[in-house]
C-alpha atoms as a PDB file:
ATOM      1  CA  UNK A   1       0.000   0.000   0.000  1.00  0.00           C
ATOM      2  CA  UNK A   2       1.243   3.468  -0.917  1.00  0.00           C
ATOM      3  CA  UNK A   3       0.921   5.663   2.187  1.00  0.00           C
ATOM      4  CA  UNK A   4       2.011   8.905   0.507  1.00  0.00           C
ATOM      5  CA  UNK A   5      -1.567  10.221   0.468  1.00  0.00           C
ATOM      6  CA  UNK A   6      -1.543  10.102   4.279  1.00  0.00           C
ATOM      7  CA  UNK A   7       1.733  11.975   4.673  1.00  0.00           C
ATOM      8  CA  UNK A   8       0.443  15.430   3.759  1.00  0.00           C
ATOM      9  CA  UNK A   9       2.311  17.951   1.677  1.00  0.00           C
ATOM     10  CA  UNK A  10       4.779  19.713   3.934  1.00  0.00           C
ATOM     11  CA  UNK A  11       6.244  23.004   2.776  1.00  0.00           C
ATOM     12  CA  UNK A  12      10.021  22.962   2.537  1.00  0.00           C
ATOM     13  CA  UNK A  13      11.846  25.350   4.814  1.00  0.00           C
ATOM     14  CA  UNK A  14      15.373  26.666   4.678  1.00  0.00           C
ATOM     15  CA  UNK A  15      16.377  24.295   7.494  1.00  0.00           C
ATOM     16  CA  UNK A  16      15.175  21.287   5.475  1.00  0.00           C
ATOM     17  CA  UNK A  17      17.467  22.179   2.603  1.00  0.00           C
ATOM     18  CA  UNK A  18      20.367  23.016   4.938  1.00  0.00           C
ATOM     19  CA  UNK A  19      20.197  19.638   6.642  1.00  0.00           C
ATOM     20  CA  UNK A  20      19.285  17.426   3.679  1.00  0.00           C
ATOM     21  CA  UNK A  21      20.416  19.474   0.685  1.00  0.00           C
ATOM     22  CA  UNK A  22      21.118  20.121  -1.946  1.00  0.00           C
ATOM     23  CA  UNK A  23      17.946  18.323  -3.029  1.00  0.00           C
ATOM     24  CA  UNK A  24      17.122  17.131  -6.534  1.00  0.00           C
ATOM     25  CA  UNK A  25      13.388  16.811  -7.059  1.00  0.00           C
ATOM     26  CA  UNK A  26      10.885  16.522  -9.912  1.00  0.00           C
ATOM     27  CA  UNK A  27       8.002  18.983 -10.231  1.00  0.00           C
ATOM     28  CA  UNK A  28       4.593  17.301 -10.105  1.00  0.00           C
ATOM     29  CA  UNK A  29       2.275  20.310  -9.876  1.00  0.00           C
ATOM     30  CA  UNK A  30       2.182  24.110  -9.773  1.00  0.00           C
ATOM     31  CA  UNK A  31      -0.713  26.041  -8.238  1.00  0.00           C
ATOM     32  CA  UNK A  32      -1.492  29.558  -7.135  1.00  0.00           C
ATOM     33  CA  UNK A  33      -0.272  29.953  -3.597  1.00  0.00           C
ATOM     34  CA  UNK A  34      -0.562  32.524  -0.886  1.00  0.00           C
ATOM     35  CA  UNK A  35       1.103  35.914  -1.078  1.00  0.00           C
ATOM     36  CA  UNK A  36       0.940  36.050  -4.899  1.00  0.00           C
ATOM     37  CA  UNK A  37       3.479  33.240  -5.294  1.00  0.00           C
ATOM     38  CA  UNK A  38       3.224  29.933  -7.110  1.00  0.00           C
ATOM     39  CA  UNK A  39       3.395  26.795  -4.971  1.00  0.00           C
ATOM     40  CA  UNK A  40       5.412  24.011  -6.593  1.00  0.00           C
ATOM     41  CA  UNK A  41       4.786  20.385  -5.554  1.00  0.00           C
ATOM     42  CA  UNK A  42       7.517  17.770  -5.854  1.00  0.00           C
ATOM     43  CA  UNK A  43       7.667  14.012  -6.323  1.00  0.00           C
ATOM     44  CA  UNK A  44       8.615  13.435  -2.686  1.00  0.00           C
ATOM     45  CA  UNK A  45       5.361  15.034  -1.494  1.00  0.00           C
ATOM     46  CA  UNK A  46       6.908  18.335  -0.423  1.00  0.00           C
ATOM     47  CA  UNK A  47       6.013  21.804  -1.665  1.00  0.00           C
ATOM     48  CA  UNK A  48       7.815  25.106  -2.030  1.00  0.00           C
ATOM     49  CA  UNK A  49       6.416  28.590  -2.373  1.00  0.00           C
ATOM     50  CA  UNK A  50       8.546  30.154  -5.107  1.00  0.00           C
ATOM     51  CA  UNK A  51       9.972  33.607  -4.632  1.00  0.00           C
ATOM     52  CA  UNK A  52      10.454  35.969  -7.583  1.00  0.00           C
ATOM     53  CA  UNK A  53      13.991  34.764  -8.272  1.00  0.00           C
ATOM     54  CA  UNK A  54      12.997  31.088  -8.293  1.00  0.00           C
ATOM     55  CA  UNK A  55      10.022  31.804 -10.546  1.00  0.00           C
ATOM     56  CA  UNK A  56      12.239  33.703 -12.999  1.00  0.00           C
ATOM     57  CA  UNK A  57      14.839  30.906 -13.019  1.00  0.00           C
ATOM     58  CA  UNK A  58      12.228  28.302 -13.968  1.00  0.00           C
ATOM     59  CA  UNK A  59      10.463  30.573 -16.474  1.00  0.00           C
ATOM     60  CA  UNK A  60      13.759  31.317 -18.240  1.00  0.00           C
ATOM     61  CA  UNK A  61      14.414  27.607 -18.654  1.00  0.00           C
ATOM     62  CA  UNK A  62      10.949  26.285 -19.471  1.00  0.00           C
ATOM     63  CA  UNK A  63       8.708  29.251 -20.293  1.00  0.00           C
ATOM     64  CA  UNK A  64       5.994  31.065 -18.401  1.00  0.00           C
ATOM     65  CA  UNK A  65       3.333  28.369 -18.805  1.00  0.00           C
ATOM     66  CA  UNK A  66       3.722  26.155 -15.740  1.00  0.00           C
ATOM     67  CA  UNK A  67       2.226  23.107 -17.502  1.00  0.00           C
ATOM     68  CA  UNK A  68       5.631  22.810 -19.192  1.00  0.00           C
ATOM     69  CA  UNK A  69       7.344  22.573 -15.785  1.00  0.00           C
ATOM     70  CA  UNK A  70       5.623  19.314 -14.832  1.00  0.00           C
ATOM     71  CA  UNK A  71       8.084  16.409 -14.822  1.00  0.00           C
ATOM     72  CA  UNK A  72      11.122  18.688 -14.873  1.00  0.00           C
ATOM     73  CA  UNK A  73      13.978  18.251 -12.390  1.00  0.00           C
ATOM     74  CA  UNK A  74      15.210  21.054 -10.153  1.00  0.00           C
ATOM     75  CA  UNK A  75      17.884  21.397  -7.516  1.00  0.00           C
ATOM     76  CA  UNK A  76      17.157  23.154  -4.245  1.00  0.00           C
ATOM     77  CA  UNK A  77      20.175  24.536  -2.436  1.00  0.00           C
ATOM     78  CA  UNK A  78      21.002  27.241   0.079  1.00  0.00           C
ATOM     79  CA  UNK A  79      22.132  30.619  -1.229  1.00  0.00           C
ATOM     80  CA  UNK A  80      22.154  34.228  -0.134  1.00  0.00           C
ATOM     81  CA  UNK A  81      20.111  37.250  -1.106  1.00  0.00           C
ATOM     82  CA  UNK A  82      21.769  40.526  -1.972  1.00  0.00           C
ATOM     83  CA  UNK A  83      21.076  41.485   1.659  1.00  0.00           C
ATOM     84  CA  UNK A  84      23.235  38.560   2.844  1.00  0.00           C
ATOM     85  CA  UNK A  85      20.217  36.570   4.100  1.00  0.00           C
ATOM     86  CA  UNK A  86      20.016  32.843   3.433  1.00  0.00           C
ATOM     87  CA  UNK A  87      17.331  31.544   1.098  1.00  0.00           C
ATOM     88  CA  UNK A  88      16.393  28.456  -0.916  1.00  0.00           C
ATOM     89  CA  UNK A  89      17.787  28.703  -4.442  1.00  0.00           C
ATOM     90  CA  UNK A  90      15.873  26.869  -7.185  1.00  0.00           C
ATOM     91  CA  UNK A  91      17.998  25.788 -10.153  1.00  0.00           C
ATOM     92  CA  UNK A  92      16.583  24.037 -13.237  1.00  0.00           C
ATOM     93  CA  UNK A  93      18.347  20.733 -13.953  1.00  0.00           C
ATOM     94  CA  UNK A  94      16.278  19.402 -16.874  1.00  0.00           C
ATOM     95  CA  UNK A  95      17.298  20.897 -20.236  1.00  0.00           C
ATOM     96  CA  UNK A  96      15.788  24.230 -21.175  1.00  0.00           C
ATOM     97  CA  UNK A  97      12.943  24.288 -23.686  1.00  0.00           C
ATOM     98  CA  UNK A  98      13.963  26.252 -26.799  1.00  0.00           C
ATOM     99  CA  UNK A  99      11.955  29.464 -27.120  1.00  0.00           C
ATOM    100  CA  UNK A 100      10.449  28.415 -30.446  1.00  0.00           C
ATOM    101  CA  UNK A 101       9.015  25.254 -28.838  1.00  0.00           C
ATOM    102  CA  UNK A 102       7.322  27.025 -25.937  1.00  0.00           C
ATOM    103  CA  UNK A 103       3.601  27.689 -25.795  1.00  0.00           C
ATOM    104  CA  UNK A 104       2.774  31.287 -26.639  1.00  0.00           C
ATOM    105  CA  UNK A 105       1.641  33.400 -23.703  1.00  0.00           C
ATOM    106  CA  UNK A 106      -2.123  33.771 -23.330  1.00  0.00           C
ATOM    107  CA  UNK A 107      -3.576  36.611 -25.367  1.00  0.00           C
ATOM    108  CA  UNK A 108      -5.061  39.487 -23.401  1.00  0.00           C
ATOM    109  CA  UNK A 109      -8.811  39.849 -23.394  1.00  0.00           C
ATOM    110  CA  UNK A 110     -10.222  42.070 -26.143  1.00  0.00           C
ATOM    111  CA  UNK A 111     -12.743  43.500 -23.706  1.00  0.00           C
ATOM    112  CA  UNK A 112     -12.155  46.976 -22.335  1.00  0.00           C
ATOM    113  CA  UNK A 113     -12.704  45.805 -18.779  1.00  0.00           C
ATOM    114  CA  UNK A 114     -12.493  42.505 -16.982  1.00  0.00           C
ATOM    115  CA  UNK A 115     -15.949  42.362 -15.465  1.00  0.00           C
ATOM    116  CA  UNK A 116     -17.032  39.240 -17.320  1.00  0.00           C
ATOM    117  CA  UNK A 117     -20.694  39.035 -18.316  1.00  0.00           C
ATOM    118  CA  UNK A 118     -21.640  41.755 -15.855  1.00  0.00           C
ATOM    119  CA  UNK A 119     -21.022  44.339 -18.610  1.00  0.00           C
ATOM    120  CA  UNK A 120     -23.647  43.030 -21.058  1.00  0.00           C
ATOM    121  CA  UNK A 121     -26.622  45.184 -21.899  1.00  0.00           C
ATOM    122  CA  UNK A 122     -29.944  44.041 -20.474  1.00  0.00           C
ATOM    123  CA  UNK A 123     -32.658  44.034 -23.159  1.00  0.00           C
ATOM    124  CA  UNK A 124     -35.970  45.629 -22.136  1.00  0.00           C
END
């Protein structure tokens, strides 16, 4: 029996990577997280809330559509910010996707506002 569904999805912390790292993991899912950051899930059941630098690193390698990140390998290590604070550094390991093979970014809505169907005229 696979007990992974009972283990929960713990968020990785700096201490986890310090003690066990660097870690090489495969991305299994990416979802909107708290604080306007994407949450990345890994094959070991852990998750990481990506900071701006980590998000840019992965987007440069595999594009801005996170569906392309699924199944890709990353390395998590300890690094420092420009303010000399420690942080988790996310480095793509799987080969980059050539720009011409990436999905185009979604086209912006042609509507003047983003109020959905609430802007339609009501016939009388």
